[in-house]
C-alpha atoms as a PDB file:
ATOM      1  CA  MET A   1     -66.696  15.057  35.582  1.00  0.00           C
ATOM      2  CA  ASN A   2     -68.937  13.147  33.115  1.00  0.00           C
ATOM      3  CA  ARG A   3     -68.010  10.533  30.722  1.00  0.00           C
ATOM      4  CA  ILE A   4     -67.438  13.049  27.566  1.00  0.00           C
ATOM      5  CA  GLN A   5     -65.531  15.395  29.617  1.00  0.00           C
ATOM      6  CA  PHE A   6     -63.461  12.365  30.542  1.00  0.00           C
ATOM      7  CA  VAL A   7     -62.964  11.053  27.446  1.00  0.00           C
ATOM      8  CA  LEU A   8     -61.881  14.469  25.801  1.00  0.00           C
ATOM      9  CA  VAL A   9     -59.401  15.316  28.610  1.00  0.00           C
ATOM     10  CA  THR A  10     -58.284  11.915  28.199  1.00  0.00           C
ATOM     11  CA  ALA A  11     -57.775  12.356  24.633  1.00  0.00           C
ATOM     12  CA  LEU A  12     -56.117  15.629  25.296  1.00  0.00           C
ATOM     13  CA  VAL A  13     -53.800  14.386  27.656  1.00  0.00           C
ATOM     14  CA  LEU A  14     -52.686  11.702  24.830  1.00  0.00           C
ATOM     15  CA  PHE A  15     -52.351  13.630  21.899  1.00  0.00           C
ATOM     16  CA  VAL A  16     -50.096  16.084  24.250  1.00  0.00           C
ATOM     17  CA  ALA A  17     -47.913  13.235  24.989  1.00  0.00           C
ATOM     18  CA  PHE A  18     -47.946  12.232  21.411  1.00  0.00           C
ATOM     19  CA  ALA A  19     -47.146  15.962  20.194  1.00  0.00           C
ATOM     20  CA  LEU A  20     -44.148  16.310  22.680  1.00  0.00           C
ATOM     21  CA  GLY A  21     -42.575  12.732  21.980  1.00  0.00           C
ATOM     22  CA  TRP A  22     -42.789  13.711  18.598  1.00  0.00           C
ATOM     23  CA  PHE A  23     -41.033  16.938  18.720  1.00  0.00           C
ATOM     24  CA  THR A  24     -38.463  15.467  21.201  1.00  0.00           C
ATOM     25  CA  ASN A  25     -37.811  12.899  18.586  1.00  0.00           C
ATOM     26  CA  TRP A  26     -37.376  15.642  15.813  1.00  0.00           C
ATOM     27  CA  LEU A  27     -35.004  17.907  18.210  1.00  0.00           C
ATOM     28  CA  ILE A  28     -32.935  14.596  18.422  1.00  0.00           C
ATOM     29  CA  HIS A  29     -32.622  13.449  14.730  1.00  0.00           C
ATOM     30  CA  ARG A  30     -31.981  17.162  13.647  1.00  0.00           C
ATOM     31  CA  PHE A  31     -29.042  17.363  16.451  1.00  0.00           C
ATOM     32  CA  THR A  32     -27.849  13.875  15.548  1.00  0.00           C
ATOM     33  CA  ARG A  33     -28.066  14.047  12.299  1.00  0.00           C
ATOM     34  CA  VAL A  34     -24.966  13.044  10.241  1.00  0.00           C
ATOM     35  CA  ARG A  35     -24.127  15.182   6.978  1.00  0.00           C
ATOM     36  CA  GLN A  36     -22.754  13.802   3.779  1.00  0.00           C
ATOM     37  CA  GLN A  37     -20.015  16.100   4.249  1.00  0.00           C
ATOM     38  CA  ASP A  38     -19.407  14.520   7.540  1.00  0.00           C
ATOM     39  CA  LEU A  39     -19.691  10.915   5.947  1.00  0.00           C
ATOM     40  CA  GLY A  40     -16.762  11.923   3.422  1.00  0.00           C
ATOM     41  CA  GLU A  41     -14.708  13.040   6.420  1.00  0.00           C
ATOM     42  CA  LEU A  42     -15.326   9.943   8.302  1.00  0.00           C
ATOM     43  CA  ASP A  43     -14.035   7.795   5.478  1.00  0.00           C
ATOM     44  CA  LYS A  44     -10.989   9.629   4.742  1.00  0.00           C
ATOM     45  CA  MET A  45     -10.185   9.284   8.613  1.00  0.00           C
ATOM     46  CA  ALA A  46     -11.094   5.639   8.630  1.00  0.00           C
ATOM     47  CA  GLN A  47      -8.489   5.364   5.579  1.00  0.00           C
ATOM     48  CA  ALA A  48      -5.903   7.215   7.226  1.00  0.00           C
ATOM     49  CA  LEU A  49      -6.205   5.148  10.315  1.00  0.00           C
ATOM     50  CA  HIS A  50      -5.948   2.032   7.710  1.00  0.00           C
ATOM     51  CA  GLU A  51      -3.073   3.218   5.867  1.00  0.00           C
ATOM     52  CA  ALA A  52      -1.232   4.416   9.442  1.00  0.00           C
ATOM     53  CA  GLU A  53      -1.663   0.924  11.043  1.00  0.00           C
ATOM     54  CA  GLU A  54      -0.316  -0.507   7.742  1.00  0.00           C
ATOM     55  CA  ILE A  55       2.582   1.400   8.200  1.00  0.00           C
ATOM     56  CA  ARG A  56       3.315   0.294  11.959  1.00  0.00           C
ATOM     57  CA  ASP A  57       2.641  -3.308  10.847  1.00  0.00           C
ATOM     58  CA  GLN A  58       5.578  -2.643   8.483  1.00  0.00           C
ATOM     59  CA  ALA A  59       7.511  -1.137  10.919  1.00  0.00           C
ATOM     60  CA  ILE A  60       7.358  -3.670  13.484  1.00  0.00           C
ATOM     61  CA  ASN A  61       7.935  -6.284  11.037  1.00  0.00           C
ATOM     62  CA  TYR A  62      11.301  -4.873  10.001  1.00  0.00           C
ATOM     63  CA  VAL A  63      12.284  -3.928  13.703  1.00  0.00           C
ATOM     64  CA  GLU A  64      11.707  -7.548  14.340  1.00  0.00           C
ATOM     65  CA  THR A  65      13.710  -8.768  11.343  1.00  0.00           C
ATOM     66  CA  ARG A  66      16.296  -6.223  12.032  1.00  0.00           C
ATOM     67  CA  GLU A  67      16.456  -7.482  15.792  1.00  0.00           C
ATOM     68  CA  ARG A  68      16.657 -11.168  14.731  1.00  0.00           C
ATOM     69  CA  ASP A  69      19.599 -10.655  12.422  1.00  0.00           C
ATOM     70  CA  LEU A  70      21.537  -8.536  14.979  1.00  0.00           C
ATOM     71  CA  THR A  71      20.782 -11.030  17.921  1.00  0.00           C
ATOM     72  CA  ALA A  72      22.084 -13.847  14.992  1.00  0.00           C
ATOM     73  CA  ARG A  73      25.613 -11.269  14.551  1.00  0.00           C
ATOM     74  CA  ILE A  74      25.930 -10.942  17.887  1.00  0.00           C
ATOM     75  CA  LYS A  75      26.092 -14.633  18.810  1.00  0.00           C
ATOM     76  CA  GLN A  76      28.215 -15.329  15.690  1.00  0.00           C
ATOM     77  CA  LEU A  77      30.899 -12.225  17.044  1.00  0.00           C
ATOM     78  CA  GLU A  78      30.504 -14.040  20.418  1.00  0.00           C
ATOM     79  CA  ALA A  79      31.368 -17.692  19.295  1.00  0.00           C
ATOM     80  CA  GLU A  80      34.443 -15.780  17.280  1.00  0.00           C
ATOM     81  CA  VAL A  81      35.357 -13.986  20.578  1.00  0.00           C
ATOM     82  CA  SER A  82      35.382 -17.315  22.587  1.00  0.00           C
ATOM     83  CA  ALA A  83      37.180 -18.961  19.831  1.00  0.00           C
ATOM     84  CA  ALA A  84      39.827 -16.324  19.554  1.00  0.00           C
ATOM     85  CA  MET A  85      40.169 -16.366  23.203  1.00  0.00           C
ATOM     86  CA  ASP A  86      40.771 -19.886  23.408  1.00  0.00           C
ATOM     87  CA  GLY A  87      43.410 -19.798  20.873  1.00  0.00           C
ATOM     88  CA  LEU A  88      45.320 -17.052  22.609  1.00  0.00           C
ATOM     89  CA  ARG A  89      44.869 -18.898  25.713  1.00  0.00           C
ATOM     90  CA  GLU A  90      46.584 -22.049  23.965  1.00  0.00           C
ATOM     91  CA  ALA A  91      49.290 -19.529  22.358  1.00  0.00           C
ATOM     92  CA  ARG A  92      50.060 -18.451  25.417  1.00  0.00           C
ATOM     93  CA  GLY A  93      50.375 -21.950  26.979  1.00  0.00           C
ATOM     94  CA  GLU A  94      52.443 -22.691  24.119  1.00  0.00           C
ATOM     95  CA  ALA A  95      54.760 -19.818  24.433  1.00  0.00           C
ATOM     96  CA  GLU A  96      55.276 -20.590  28.254  1.00  0.00           C
ATOM     97  CA  TYR A  97      56.146 -23.814  27.464  1.00  0.00           C
ATOM     98  CA  TYR A  98      58.963 -22.925  24.902  1.00  0.00           C
ATOM     99  CA  ARG A  99      60.118 -19.882  27.322  1.00  0.00           C
ATOM    100  CA  ASN A 100      60.820 -22.764  29.733  1.00  0.00           C
ATOM    101  CA  GLN A 101      62.270 -24.949  27.225  1.00  0.00           C
ATOM    102  CA  LEU A 102      64.839 -22.324  26.630  1.00  0.00           C
ATOM    103  CA  GLN A 103      65.456 -21.500  30.092  1.00  0.00           C
ATOM    104  CA  GLU A 104      66.099 -25.120  30.773  1.00  0.00           C
ATOM    105  CA  ARG A 105      68.900 -25.319  28.502  1.00  0.00           C
ATOM    106  CA  GLY A 106      70.300 -22.144  29.308  1.00  0.00           C
ATOM    107  CA  ASP A 107      70.747 -23.375  32.325  1.00  0.00           C
END
Protein backbone atom coordinates (compact mmCIF):
# COMPACT_ATOMS: atom_id res chain seq x y z
CA MET A 1 0.00 0.00 0.00
CA ASN A 2 1.50 3.27 -1.05
CA ARG A 3 1.08 6.66 0.52
CA ILE A 4 -1.86 7.86 -1.63
CA GLN A 5 -3.86 4.70 -1.02
CA PHE A 6 -3.23 5.02 2.73
CA VAL A 7 -4.46 8.64 2.74
CA LEU A 8 -7.56 7.70 0.70
CA VAL A 9 -8.43 4.74 2.92
CA THR A 10 -7.92 6.85 6.06
CA ALA A 11 -10.08 9.63 4.61
CA LEU A 12 -12.77 7.12 3.66
CA VAL A 13 -12.75 5.55 7.15
CA LEU A 14 -12.98 8.98 8.78
CA PHE A 15 -15.84 10.00 6.45
CA VAL A 16 -17.75 6.77 7.18
CA ALA A 17 -17.22 7.32 10.93
CA PHE A 18 -18.46 10.90 10.58
CA ALA A 19 -21.50 9.79 8.55
CA LEU A 20 -22.38 7.06 11.08
CA GLY A 21 -22.03 9.54 13.96
CA TRP A 22 -24.20 12.10 12.21
CA PHE A 23 -26.83 9.49 11.35
CA THR A 24 -26.85 8.19 14.94
CA ASN A 25 -27.20 11.73 16.27
CA TRP A 26 -30.08 12.39 13.86
CA LEU A 27 -31.85 9.18 14.96
CA ILE A 28 -31.45 9.97 18.64
CA HIS A 29 -32.83 13.48 18.21
CA ARG A 30 -35.63 12.20 16.02
CA PHE A 31 -36.86 9.76 18.66
CA THR A 32 -36.24 11.89 21.74
CA ARG A 33 -37.56 15.16 20.36
CA VAL A 34 -40.24 16.84 22.50
CA ARG A 35 -43.16 18.31 20.62
CA GLN A 36 -44.92 21.56 21.59
CA GLN A 37 -48.08 19.56 22.33
CA ASP A 38 -46.09 17.44 24.77
CA LEU A 39 -44.69 20.56 26.42
CA GLY A 40 -48.24 21.86 26.86
CA GLU A 41 -49.26 18.61 28.51
CA LEU A 42 -46.18 18.71 30.75
CA ASP A 43 -47.07 22.27 31.79
CA LYS A 44 -50.63 21.19 32.60
CA MET A 45 -49.39 18.23 34.61
CA ALA A 46 -46.91 20.44 36.49
CA GLN A 47 -49.69 22.92 37.31
CA ALA A 48 -52.00 20.12 38.46
CA LEU A 49 -49.23 18.69 40.64
CA HIS A 50 -48.58 22.12 42.16
CA GLU A 51 -52.28 22.57 42.94
CA ALA A 52 -52.47 19.08 44.43
CA GLU A 53 -49.48 19.84 46.68
CA GLU A 54 -51.13 23.07 47.85
CA ILE A 55 -54.37 21.22 48.64
CA ARG A 56 -52.36 18.56 50.51
CA ASP A 57 -50.58 21.24 52.54
CA GLN A 58 -53.90 22.89 53.39
CA ALA A 59 -55.34 19.54 54.45
CA ILE A 60 -52.32 18.83 56.64
CA ASN A 61 -52.61 22.26 58.26
CA TYR A 62 -56.34 21.71 58.87
CA VAL A 63 -55.74 18.29 60.42
CA GLU A 64 -52.97 19.63 62.66
CA THR A 65 -55.14 22.55 63.80
CA ARG A 66 -58.09 20.26 64.42
CA GLU A 67 -55.88 17.85 66.35
CA ARG A 68 -54.55 20.66 68.56
CA ASP A 69 -58.09 21.88 69.24
CA LEU A 70 -59.33 18.40 70.11
CA THR A 71 -56.31 17.73 72.32
CA ALA A 72 -56.95 20.97 74.21
CA ARG A 73 -60.63 20.06 74.55
CA ILE A 74 -59.75 16.58 75.84
CA LYS A 75 -57.40 18.07 78.44
CA GLN A 76 -60.12 20.48 79.52
CA LEU A 77 -62.67 17.67 79.81
CA GLU A 78 -60.20 15.54 81.77
CA ALA A 79 -59.67 18.43 84.18
CA GLU A 80 -63.44 18.85 84.56
CA VAL A 81 -63.90 15.11 85.19
CA SER A 82 -61.10 15.16 87.75
CA ALA A 83 -62.69 18.13 89.51
CA ALA A 84 -66.09 16.41 89.44
CA MET A 85 -64.60 13.22 90.88
CA ASP A 86 -62.90 15.21 93.64
CA GLY A 87 -66.20 16.93 94.42
CA LEU A 88 -68.04 13.62 94.45
CA ARG A 89 -65.43 12.10 96.75
CA GLU A 90 -65.77 15.07 99.06
CA ALA A 91 -69.60 14.85 98.97
CA ARG A 92 -69.44 11.13 99.81
CA GLY A 93 -67.18 11.90 102.73
CA GLU A 94 -69.60 14.55 104.00
CA ALA A 95 -72.56 12.19 103.52
CA GLU A 96 -70.75 9.50 105.49
CA TYR A 97 -69.92 12.04 108.20
CA TYR A 98 -73.56 13.16 108.51
CA ARG A 99 -74.78 9.55 108.40
CA ASN A 100 -72.47 8.73 111.32
CA GLN A 101 -73.72 11.83 113.17
CA LEU A 102 -77.31 10.71 112.74
CA GLN A 103 -76.53 7.19 113.86
CA GLU A 104 -74.78 8.48 117.01
CA ARG A 105 -77.77 10.69 117.91
CA GLY A 106 -80.16 7.87 117.25
CA ASP A 107 -78.28 5.47 119.50
